[in-house]
Amino acid sequence: MPGQQTSVRDRSHTDLQQPRRYKVIIYNDDFTTMDFVVLVLTSVFFKSEAEAEALMLSVHHEGSAVVGVYTYDIAVSKMRKATMMAREHNFPLQLECKPE
């Protein structure tokens, strides 16, 4: 119908923000084997063998290391998968998810 106004407005500015990122931290313990940590890093976090070994040594010497930075859902999912894998093999491996 001519001459009739609509209530639809064009929005010229949109506030889109990047999703918050979370780092997954793996902690050293006296029971989880170095080989198992490398396995977790390669199979859950998709690190290369060399990168996984370097991270494992960093965890061993420093006490912890950031193994990846992801959106919240992915970080929690990877952390849970690694923890379940560790429990299935009777290791007390500890991981944590923290905002970046």
PDB file of N, CA and C in Angstrom:
ATOM      1  N   MET A   1       0.835  -1.180   0.000  1.00  0.00           N
ATOM      2  CA  MET A   1       0.000   0.000   0.000  1.00  0.00           C
ATOM      3  C   MET A   1       0.875   1.235   0.000  1.00  0.00           C
ATOM      4  N   PRO A   2       0.679   2.071  -0.960  1.00  0.00           N
ATOM      5  CA  PRO A   2       1.504   3.276  -1.058  1.00  0.00           C
ATOM      6  C   PRO A   2       1.272   4.218   0.124  1.00  0.00           C
ATOM      7  N   GLY A   3       2.347   4.885   0.533  1.00  0.00           N
ATOM      8  CA  GLY A   3       2.247   5.885   1.575  1.00  0.00           C
ATOM      9  C   GLY A   3       2.240   5.325   2.988  1.00  0.00           C
ATOM     10  N   GLN A   4       2.328   4.023   3.147  1.00  0.00           N
ATOM     11  CA  GLN A   4       2.299   3.423   4.474  1.00  0.00           C
ATOM     12  C   GLN A   4       3.724   3.205   4.975  1.00  0.00           C
ATOM     13  N   GLN A   5       3.987   3.592   6.218  1.00  0.00           N
ATOM     14  CA  GLN A   5       5.321   3.416   6.786  1.00  0.00           C
ATOM     15  C   GLN A   5       5.448   2.024   7.399  1.00  0.00           C
ATOM     16  N   THR A   6       6.642   1.503   7.339  1.00  0.00           N
ATOM     17  CA  THR A   6       6.887   0.210   7.986  1.00  0.00           C
ATOM     18  C   THR A   6       7.686   0.441   9.252  1.00  0.00           C
ATOM     19  N   SER A   7       7.635  -0.504  10.134  1.00  0.00           N
ATOM     20  CA  SER A   7       8.365  -0.371  11.395  1.00  0.00           C
ATOM     21  C   SER A   7       9.729  -1.049  11.343  1.00  0.00           C
ATOM     22  N   VAL A   8      10.178  -1.404  10.162  1.00  0.00           N
ATOM     23  CA  VAL A   8      11.474  -2.045  10.011  1.00  0.00           C
ATOM     24  C   VAL A   8      12.543  -0.974   9.824  1.00  0.00           C
ATOM     25  N   ARG A   9      13.607  -1.079  10.601  1.00  0.00           N
ATOM     26  CA  ARG A   9      14.718  -0.133  10.489  1.00  0.00           C
ATOM     27  C   ARG A   9      15.936  -0.858   9.976  1.00  0.00           C
ATOM     28  N   ASP A  10      16.753  -0.158   9.246  1.00  0.00           N
ATOM     29  CA  ASP A  10      18.042  -0.702   8.847  1.00  0.00           C
ATOM     30  C   ASP A  10      19.014  -0.418   9.974  1.00  0.00           C
ATOM     31  N   ARG A  11      19.735  -1.423  10.333  1.00  0.00           N
ATOM     32  CA  ARG A  11      20.725  -1.249  11.391  1.00  0.00           C
ATOM     33  C   ARG A  11      22.082  -1.100  10.727  1.00  0.00           C
ATOM     34  N   SER A  12      22.711   0.028  10.940  1.00  0.00           N
ATOM     35  CA  SER A  12      23.972   0.296  10.264  1.00  0.00           C
ATOM     36  C   SER A  12      25.194  -0.146  11.066  1.00  0.00           C
ATOM     37  N   HIS A  13      25.023  -0.352  12.363  1.00  0.00           N
ATOM     38  CA  HIS A  13      26.168  -0.710  13.195  1.00  0.00           C
ATOM     39  C   HIS A  13      25.839  -1.988  13.973  1.00  0.00           C
ATOM     40  N   THR A  14      26.709  -2.969  13.863  1.00  0.00           N
ATOM     41  CA  THR A  14      26.516  -4.225  14.569  1.00  0.00           C
ATOM     42  C   THR A  14      27.699  -4.455  15.494  1.00  0.00           C
ATOM     43  N   ASP A  15      27.414  -4.779  16.741  1.00  0.00           N
ATOM     44  CA  ASP A  15      28.472  -5.039  17.713  1.00  0.00           C
ATOM     45  C   ASP A  15      28.775  -6.532  17.764  1.00  0.00           C
ATOM     46  N   LEU A  16      29.651  -6.964  16.892  1.00  0.00           N
ATOM     47  CA  LEU A  16      30.084  -8.359  16.901  1.00  0.00           C
ATOM     48  C   LEU A  16      31.441  -8.434  17.563  1.00  0.00           C
ATOM     49  N   GLN A  17      31.581  -9.367  18.464  1.00  0.00           N
ATOM     50  CA  GLN A  17      32.858  -9.543  19.140  1.00  0.00           C
ATOM     51  C   GLN A  17      33.330 -10.972  18.968  1.00  0.00           C
ATOM     52  N   GLN A  18      34.624 -11.137  18.974  1.00  0.00           N
ATOM     53  CA  GLN A  18      35.204 -12.469  18.917  1.00  0.00           C
ATOM     54  C   GLN A  18      34.814 -13.199  20.201  1.00  0.00           C
ATOM     55  N   PRO A  19      34.536 -14.502  20.122  1.00  0.00           N
ATOM     56  CA  PRO A  19      34.250 -15.241  21.358  1.00  0.00           C
ATOM     57  C   PRO A  19      35.479 -15.270  22.257  1.00  0.00           C
ATOM     58  N   ARG A  20      35.239 -15.273  23.535  1.00  0.00           N
ATOM     59  CA  ARG A  20      36.331 -15.325  24.500  1.00  0.00           C
ATOM     60  C   ARG A  20      37.106 -16.625  24.319  1.00  0.00           C
ATOM     61  N   ARG A  21      38.401 -16.566  24.513  1.00  0.00           N
ATOM     62  CA  ARG A  21      39.262 -17.737  24.318  1.00  0.00           C
ATOM     63  C   ARG A  21      39.695 -18.272  25.689  1.00  0.00           C
ATOM     64  N   TYR A  22      39.888 -19.576  25.736  1.00  0.00           N
ATOM     65  CA  TYR A  22      40.273 -20.249  26.973  1.00  0.00           C
ATOM     66  C   TYR A  22      41.502 -21.114  26.733  1.00  0.00           C
ATOM     67  N   LYS A  23      42.437 -21.048  27.679  1.00  0.00           N
ATOM     68  CA  LYS A  23      43.637 -21.871  27.550  1.00  0.00           C
ATOM     69  C   LYS A  23      43.445 -23.158  28.349  1.00  0.00           C
ATOM     70  N   VAL A  24      43.922 -24.243  27.787  1.00  0.00           N
ATOM     71  CA  VAL A  24      43.903 -25.526  28.473  1.00  0.00           C
ATOM     72  C   VAL A  24      45.311 -25.757  29.015  1.00  0.00           C
ATOM     73  N   ILE A  25      45.376 -25.982  30.311  1.00  0.00           N
ATOM     74  CA  ILE A  25      46.651 -26.154  31.005  1.00  0.00           C
ATOM     75  C   ILE A  25      46.742 -27.596  31.495  1.00  0.00           C
ATOM     76  N   ILE A  26      47.894 -28.200  31.282  1.00  0.00           N
ATOM     77  CA  ILE A  26      48.143 -29.559  31.765  1.00  0.00           C
ATOM     78  C   ILE A  26      49.180 -29.462  32.879  1.00  0.00           C
ATOM     79  N   TYR A  27      48.971 -30.258  33.933  1.00  0.00           N
ATOM     80  CA  TYR A  27      49.837 -30.196  35.115  1.00  0.00           C
ATOM     81  C   TYR A  27      50.665 -31.467  35.283  1.00  0.00           C
ATOM     82  N   ASN A  28      51.830 -31.290  35.836  1.00  0.00           N
ATOM     83  CA  ASN A  28      52.722 -32.410  36.115  1.00  0.00           C
ATOM     84  C   ASN A  28      52.233 -33.167  37.342  1.00  0.00           C
ATOM     85  N   ASP A  29      52.458 -34.468  37.337  1.00  0.00           N
ATOM     86  CA  ASP A  29      52.244 -35.278  38.529  1.00  0.00           C
ATOM     87  C   ASP A  29      53.313 -36.374  38.537  1.00  0.00           C
ATOM     88  N   ASP A  30      53.403 -37.090  39.641  1.00  0.00           N
ATOM     89  CA  ASP A  30      54.459 -38.095  39.789  1.00  0.00           C
ATOM     90  C   ASP A  30      54.086 -39.478  39.255  1.00  0.00           C
ATOM     91  N   PHE A  31      52.888 -39.619  38.703  1.00  0.00           N
ATOM     92  CA  PHE A  31      52.424 -40.943  38.305  1.00  0.00           C
ATOM     93  C   PHE A  31      52.160 -41.107  36.812  1.00  0.00           C
ATOM     94  N   THR A  32      51.670 -40.076  36.155  1.00  0.00           N
ATOM     95  CA  THR A  32      51.361 -40.168  34.726  1.00  0.00           C
ATOM     96  C   THR A  32      52.673 -40.258  33.950  1.00  0.00           C
ATOM     97  N   THR A  33      52.779 -41.260  33.096  1.00  0.00           N
ATOM     98  CA  THR A  33      54.033 -41.453  32.362  1.00  0.00           C
ATOM     99  C   THR A  33      54.209 -40.389  31.278  1.00  0.00           C
ATOM    100  N   MET A  34      55.456 -40.137  30.952  1.00  0.00           N
ATOM    101  CA  MET A  34      55.767 -39.166  29.903  1.00  0.00           C
ATOM    102  C   MET A  34      55.196 -39.626  28.563  1.00  0.00           C
ATOM    103  N   ASP A  35      55.281 -40.916  28.297  1.00  0.00           N
ATOM    104  CA  ASP A  35      54.737 -41.450  27.041  1.00  0.00           C
ATOM    105  C   ASP A  35      53.232 -41.223  26.941  1.00  0.00           C
ATOM    106  N   PHE A  36      52.528 -41.377  28.069  1.00  0.00           N
ATOM    107  CA  PHE A  36      51.083 -41.167  28.047  1.00  0.00           C
ATOM    108  C   PHE A  36      50.752 -39.694  27.800  1.00  0.00           C
ATOM    109  N   VAL A  37      51.494 -38.795  28.400  1.00  0.00           N
ATOM    110  CA  VAL A  37      51.274 -37.356  28.169  1.00  0.00           C
ATOM    111  C   VAL A  37      51.468 -37.037  26.686  1.00  0.00           C
ATOM    112  N   VAL A  38      52.489 -37.592  26.072  1.00  0.00           N
ATOM    113  CA  VAL A  38      52.722 -37.390  24.637  1.00  0.00           C
ATOM    114  C   VAL A  38      51.543 -37.944  23.837  1.00  0.00           C
ATOM    115  N   LEU A  39      51.043 -39.115  24.227  1.00  0.00           N
ATOM    116  CA  LEU A  39      49.882 -39.702  23.548  1.00  0.00           C
ATOM    117  C   LEU A  39      48.666 -38.780  23.633  1.00  0.00           C
ATOM    118  N   VAL A  40      48.396 -38.236  24.799  1.00  0.00           N
ATOM    119  CA  VAL A  40      47.272 -37.304  24.980  1.00  0.00           C
ATOM    120  C   VAL A  40      47.462 -36.069  24.106  1.00  0.00           C
ATOM    121  N   LEU A  41      48.660 -35.531  24.110  1.00  0.00           N
ATOM    122  CA  LEU A  41      48.923 -34.310  23.339  1.00  0.00           C
ATOM    123  C   LEU A  41      48.794 -34.539  21.835  1.00  0.00           C
ATOM    124  N   THR A  42      49.165 -35.714  21.360  1.00  0.00           N
ATOM    125  CA  THR A  42      49.052 -35.988  19.917  1.00  0.00           C
ATOM    126  C   THR A  42      47.634 -36.377  19.524  1.00  0.00           C
ATOM    127  N   SER A  43      46.944 -37.154  20.358  1.00  0.00           N
ATOM    128  CA  SER A  43      45.630 -37.660  19.958  1.00  0.00           C
ATOM    129  C   SER A  43      44.466 -36.736  20.308  1.00  0.00           C
ATOM    130  N   VAL A  44      44.566 -35.984  21.386  1.00  0.00           N
ATOM    131  CA  VAL A  44      43.471 -35.091  21.793  1.00  0.00           C
ATOM    132  C   VAL A  44      43.717 -33.657  21.316  1.00  0.00           C
ATOM    133  N   PHE A  45      44.951 -33.201  21.430  1.00  0.00           N
ATOM    134  CA  PHE A  45      45.264 -31.807  21.097  1.00  0.00           C
ATOM    135  C   PHE A  45      45.925 -31.670  19.726  1.00  0.00           C
ATOM    136  N   PHE A  46      46.094 -32.782  19.023  1.00  0.00           N
ATOM    137  CA  PHE A  46      46.615 -32.818  17.656  1.00  0.00           C
ATOM    138  C   PHE A  46      47.961 -32.115  17.489  1.00  0.00           C
ATOM    139  N   LYS A  47      48.834 -32.326  18.460  1.00  0.00           N
ATOM    140  CA  LYS A  47      50.200 -31.801  18.373  1.00  0.00           C
ATOM    141  C   LYS A  47      51.053 -32.793  17.583  1.00  0.00           C
ATOM    142  N   SER A  48      52.074 -32.282  16.924  1.00  0.00           N
ATOM    143  CA  SER A  48      53.018 -33.179  16.252  1.00  0.00           C
ATOM    144  C   SER A  48      53.808 -33.915  17.335  1.00  0.00           C
ATOM    145  N   GLU A  49      54.454 -34.987  16.969  1.00  0.00           N
ATOM    146  CA  GLU A  49      55.244 -35.768  17.924  1.00  0.00           C
ATOM    147  C   GLU A  49      56.318 -34.880  18.579  1.00  0.00           C
ATOM    148  N   ALA A  50      57.003 -34.079  17.783  1.00  0.00           N
ATOM    149  CA  ALA A  50      58.061 -33.203  18.307  1.00  0.00           C
ATOM    150  C   ALA A  50      57.490 -32.141  19.246  1.00  0.00           C
ATOM    151  N   GLU A  51      56.365 -31.537  18.855  1.00  0.00           N
ATOM    152  CA  GLU A  51      55.749 -30.512  19.694  1.00  0.00           C
ATOM    153  C   GLU A  51      55.231 -31.130  20.997  1.00  0.00           C
ATOM    154  N   ALA A  52      54.650 -32.323  20.905  1.00  0.00           N
ATOM    155  CA  ALA A  52      54.139 -33.018  22.088  1.00  0.00           C
ATOM    156  C   ALA A  52      55.273 -33.339  23.062  1.00  0.00           C
ATOM    157  N   GLU A  53      56.393 -33.795  22.544  1.00  0.00           N
ATOM    158  CA  GLU A  53      57.533 -34.110  23.409  1.00  0.00           C
ATOM    159  C   GLU A  53      58.076 -32.851  24.082  1.00  0.00           C
ATOM    160  N   ALA A  54      58.157 -31.755  23.332  1.00  0.00           N
ATOM    161  CA  ALA A  54      58.634 -30.489  23.904  1.00  0.00           C
ATOM    162  C   ALA A  54      57.687 -30.002  25.006  1.00  0.00           C
ATOM    163  N   LEU A  55      56.379 -30.097  24.769  1.00  0.00           N
ATOM    164  CA  LEU A  55      55.394 -29.688  25.781  1.00  0.00           C
ATOM    165  C   LEU A  55      55.478 -30.591  27.016  1.00  0.00           C
ATOM    166  N   MET A  56      55.616 -31.884  26.790  1.00  0.00           N
ATOM    167  CA  MET A  56      55.715 -32.835  27.899  1.00  0.00           C
ATOM    168  C   MET A  56      56.928 -32.505  28.771  1.00  0.00           C
ATOM    169  N   LEU A  57      58.057 -32.208  28.144  1.00  0.00           N
ATOM    170  CA  LEU A  57      59.252 -31.850  28.907  1.00  0.00           C
ATOM    171  C   LEU A  57      59.065 -30.534  29.652  1.00  0.00           C
ATOM    172  N   SER A  58      58.370 -29.609  29.043  1.00  0.00           N
ATOM    173  CA  SER A  58      58.064 -28.338  29.697  1.00  0.00           C
ATOM    174  C   SER A  58      57.197 -28.576  30.940  1.00  0.00           C
ATOM    175  N   VAL A  59      56.190 -29.419  30.811  1.00  0.00           N
ATOM    176  CA  VAL A  59      55.332 -29.764  31.952  1.00  0.00           C
ATOM    177  C   VAL A  59      56.167 -30.440  33.037  1.00  0.00           C
ATOM    178  N   HIS A  60      57.033 -31.349  32.633  1.00  0.00           N
ATOM    179  CA  HIS A  60      57.865 -32.088  33.576  1.00  0.00           C
ATOM    180  C   HIS A  60      58.800 -31.158  34.358  1.00  0.00           C
ATOM    181  N   HIS A  61      59.389 -30.184  33.677  1.00  0.00           N
ATOM    182  CA  HIS A  61      60.361 -29.297  34.326  1.00  0.00           C
ATOM    183  C   HIS A  61      59.727 -28.079  34.994  1.00  0.00           C
ATOM    184  N   GLU A  62      58.675 -27.544  34.404  1.00  0.00           N
ATOM    185  CA  GLU A  62      58.068 -26.305  34.908  1.00  0.00           C
ATOM    186  C   GLU A  62      56.851 -26.548  35.798  1.00  0.00           C
ATOM    187  N   GLY A  63      56.267 -27.740  35.707  1.00  0.00           N
ATOM    188  CA  GLY A  63      55.098 -28.041  36.538  1.00  0.00           C
ATOM    189  C   GLY A  63      53.778 -27.944  35.799  1.00  0.00           C
ATOM    190  N   SER A  64      53.748 -27.163  34.720  1.00  0.00           N
ATOM    191  CA  SER A  64      52.534 -27.038  33.915  1.00  0.00           C
ATOM    192  C   SER A  64      52.879 -26.393  32.581  1.00  0.00           C
ATOM    193  N   ALA A  65      51.941 -26.491  31.653  1.00  0.00           N
ATOM    194  CA  ALA A  65      52.117 -25.835  30.351  1.00  0.00           C
ATOM    195  C   ALA A  65      50.751 -25.646  29.701  1.00  0.00           C
ATOM    196  N   VAL A  66      50.632 -24.584  28.931  1.00  0.00           N
ATOM    197  CA  VAL A  66      49.426 -24.361  28.135  1.00  0.00           C
ATOM    198  C   VAL A  66      49.550 -25.230  26.890  1.00  0.00           C
ATOM    199  N   VAL A  67      48.558 -26.090  26.663  1.00  0.00           N
ATOM    200  CA  VAL A  67      48.620 -27.001  25.525  1.00  0.00           C
ATOM    201  C   VAL A  67      47.753 -26.549  24.357  1.00  0.00           C
ATOM    202  N   GLY A  68      46.952 -25.505  24.574  1.00  0.00           N
ATOM    203  CA  GLY A  68      46.142 -24.977  23.484  1.00  0.00           C
ATOM    204  C   GLY A  68      45.232 -23.873  23.978  1.00  0.00           C
ATOM    205  N   VAL A  69      44.775 -23.050  23.037  1.00  0.00           N
ATOM    206  CA  VAL A  69      43.833 -21.973  23.333  1.00  0.00           C
ATOM    207  C   VAL A  69      42.667 -22.125  22.367  1.00  0.00           C
ATOM    208  N   TYR A  70      41.456 -22.202  22.928  1.00  0.00           N
ATOM    209  CA  TYR A  70      40.269 -22.517  22.141  1.00  0.00           C
ATOM    210  C   TYR A  70      39.069 -21.711  22.641  1.00  0.00           C
ATOM    211  N   THR A  71      37.969 -21.805  21.908  1.00  0.00           N
ATOM    212  CA  THR A  71      36.711 -21.277  22.433  1.00  0.00           C
ATOM    213  C   THR A  71      36.321 -22.162  23.618  1.00  0.00           C
ATOM    214  N   TYR A  72      35.411 -21.684  24.455  1.00  0.00           N
ATOM    215  CA  TYR A  72      35.076 -22.386  25.692  1.00  0.00           C
ATOM    216  C   TYR A  72      34.635 -23.836  25.458  1.00  0.00           C
ATOM    217  N   ASP A  73      33.687 -24.039  24.555  1.00  0.00           N
ATOM    218  CA  ASP A  73      33.161 -25.393  24.333  1.00  0.00           C
ATOM    219  C   ASP A  73      34.245 -26.369  23.879  1.00  0.00           C
ATOM    220  N   ILE A  74      35.101 -25.928  22.999  1.00  0.00           N
ATOM    221  CA  ILE A  74      36.171 -26.803  22.506  1.00  0.00           C
ATOM    222  C   ILE A  74      37.190 -27.067  23.615  1.00  0.00           C
ATOM    223  N   ALA A  75      37.543 -26.041  24.375  1.00  0.00           N
ATOM    224  CA  ALA A  75      38.506 -26.217  25.472  1.00  0.00           C
ATOM    225  C   ALA A  75      37.988 -27.229  26.490  1.00  0.00           C
ATOM    226  N   VAL A  76      36.732 -27.093  26.884  1.00  0.00           N
ATOM    227  CA  VAL A  76      36.153 -28.006  27.870  1.00  0.00           C
ATOM    228  C   VAL A  76      36.062 -29.419  27.300  1.00  0.00           C
ATOM    229  N   SER A  77      35.681 -29.533  26.043  1.00  0.00           N
ATOM    230  CA  SER A  77      35.563 -30.835  25.400  1.00  0.00           C
ATOM    231  C   SER A  77      36.914 -31.559  25.363  1.00  0.00           C
ATOM    232  N   LYS A  78      37.960 -30.854  24.963  1.00  0.00           N
ATOM    233  CA  LYS A  78      39.294 -31.459  24.908  1.00  0.00           C
ATOM    234  C   LYS A  78      39.793 -31.821  26.302  1.00  0.00           C
ATOM    235  N   MET A  79      39.535 -30.957  27.268  1.00  0.00           N
ATOM    236  CA  MET A  79      39.949 -31.220  28.638  1.00  0.00           C
ATOM    237  C   MET A  79      39.251 -32.477  29.171  1.00  0.00           C
ATOM    238  N   ARG A  80      37.954 -32.596  28.933  1.00  0.00           N
ATOM    239  CA  ARG A  80      37.204 -33.771  29.392  1.00  0.00           C
ATOM    240  C   ARG A  80      37.670 -35.046  28.699  1.00  0.00           C
ATOM    241  N   LYS A  81      37.919 -34.960  27.402  1.00  0.00           N
ATOM    242  CA  LYS A  81      38.376 -36.137  26.656  1.00  0.00           C
ATOM    243  C   LYS A  81      39.724 -36.614  27.186  1.00  0.00           C
ATOM    244  N   ALA A  82      40.642 -35.682  27.425  1.00  0.00           N
ATOM    245  CA  ALA A  82      41.964 -36.043  27.953  1.00  0.00           C
ATOM    246  C   ALA A  82      41.855 -36.630  29.357  1.00  0.00           C
ATOM    247  N   THR A  83      40.997 -36.065  30.186  1.00  0.00           N
ATOM    248  CA  THR A  83      40.806 -36.558  31.552  1.00  0.00           C
ATOM    249  C   THR A  83      40.210 -37.961  31.539  1.00  0.00           C
ATOM    250  N   MET A  84      39.199 -38.186  30.696  1.00  0.00           N
ATOM    251  CA  MET A  84      38.595 -39.525  30.594  1.00  0.00           C
ATOM    252  C   MET A  84      39.626 -40.553  30.123  1.00  0.00           C
ATOM    253  N   MET A  85      40.423 -40.155  29.160  1.00  0.00           N
ATOM    254  CA  MET A  85      41.469 -41.046  28.645  1.00  0.00           C
ATOM    255  C   MET A  85      42.447 -41.410  29.765  1.00  0.00           C
ATOM    256  N   ALA A  86      42.830 -40.417  30.561  1.00  0.00           N
ATOM    257  CA  ALA A  86      43.762 -40.656  31.666  1.00  0.00           C
ATOM    258  C   ALA A  86      43.151 -41.595  32.705  1.00  0.00           C
ATOM    259  N   ARG A  87      41.882 -41.374  33.042  1.00  0.00           N
ATOM    260  CA  ARG A  87      41.234 -42.224  34.046  1.00  0.00           C
ATOM    261  C   ARG A  87      41.102 -43.664  33.551  1.00  0.00           C
ATOM    262  N   GLU A  88      40.833 -43.835  32.261  1.00  0.00           N
ATOM    263  CA  GLU A  88      40.730 -45.177  31.689  1.00  0.00           C
ATOM    264  C   GLU A  88      42.057 -45.932  31.811  1.00  0.00           C
ATOM    265  N   HIS A  89      43.161 -45.180  31.842  1.00  0.00           N
ATOM    266  CA  HIS A  89      44.482 -45.788  31.975  1.00  0.00           C
ATOM    267  C   HIS A  89      45.023 -45.669  33.410  1.00  0.00           C
ATOM    268  N   ASN A  90      44.132 -45.290  34.328  1.00  0.00           N
ATOM    269  CA  ASN A  90      44.474 -45.171  35.756  1.00  0.00           C
ATOM    270  C   ASN A  90      45.581 -44.159  36.053  1.00  0.00           C
ATOM    271  N   PHE A  91      45.566 -43.044  35.321  1.00  0.00           N
ATOM    272  CA  PHE A  91      46.502 -41.955  35.585  1.00  0.00           C
ATOM    273  C   PHE A  91      45.739 -40.770  36.179  1.00  0.00           C
ATOM    274  N   PRO A  92      46.366 -40.060  37.124  1.00  0.00           N
ATOM    275  CA  PRO A  92      45.704 -38.913  37.764  1.00  0.00           C
ATOM    276  C   PRO A  92      45.939 -37.579  37.029  1.00  0.00           C
ATOM    277  N   LEU A  93      46.226 -37.625  35.747  1.00  0.00           N
ATOM    278  CA  LEU A  93      46.529 -36.425  34.968  1.00  0.00           C
ATOM    279  C   LEU A  93      45.495 -35.331  35.227  1.00  0.00           C
ATOM    280  N   GLN A  94      45.981 -34.118  35.483  1.00  0.00           N
ATOM    281  CA  GLN A  94      45.104 -32.976  35.764  1.00  0.00           C
ATOM    282  C   GLN A  94      45.219 -31.935  34.673  1.00  0.00           C
ATOM    283  N   LEU A  95      44.080 -31.447  34.229  1.00  0.00           N
ATOM    284  CA  LEU A  95      44.020 -30.366  33.244  1.00  0.00           C
ATOM    285  C   LEU A  95      43.067 -29.309  33.769  1.00  0.00           C
ATOM    286  N   GLU A  96      43.241 -28.091  33.284  1.00  0.00           N
ATOM    287  CA  GLU A  96      42.389 -26.986  33.707  1.00  0.00           C
ATOM    288  C   GLU A  96      42.117 -26.079  32.513  1.00  0.00           C
ATOM    289  N   CYS A  97      40.975 -25.451  32.549  1.00  0.00           N
ATOM    290  CA  CYS A  97      40.565 -24.516  31.502  1.00  0.00           C
ATOM    291  C   CYS A  97      40.428 -23.137  32.156  1.00  0.00           C
ATOM    292  N   LYS A  98      41.172 -22.142  31.634  1.00  0.00           N
ATOM    293  CA  LYS A  98      41.133 -20.780  32.206  1.00  0.00           C
ATOM    294  C   LYS A  98      40.949 -19.762  31.084  1.00  0.00           C
ATOM    295  N   PRO A  99      40.236 -18.676  31.378  1.00  0.00           N
ATOM    296  CA  PRO A  99      40.125 -17.618  30.358  1.00  0.00           C
ATOM    297  C   PRO A  99      41.501 -17.059  30.035  1.00  0.00           C
ATOM    298  N   GLU A 100      41.677 -16.702  28.780  1.00  0.00           N
ATOM    299  CA  GLU A 100      42.967 -16.169  28.330  1.00  0.00           C
ATOM    300  C   GLU A 100      43.142 -14.747  28.795  1.00  0.00           C
TER     301      GLU A 100
END
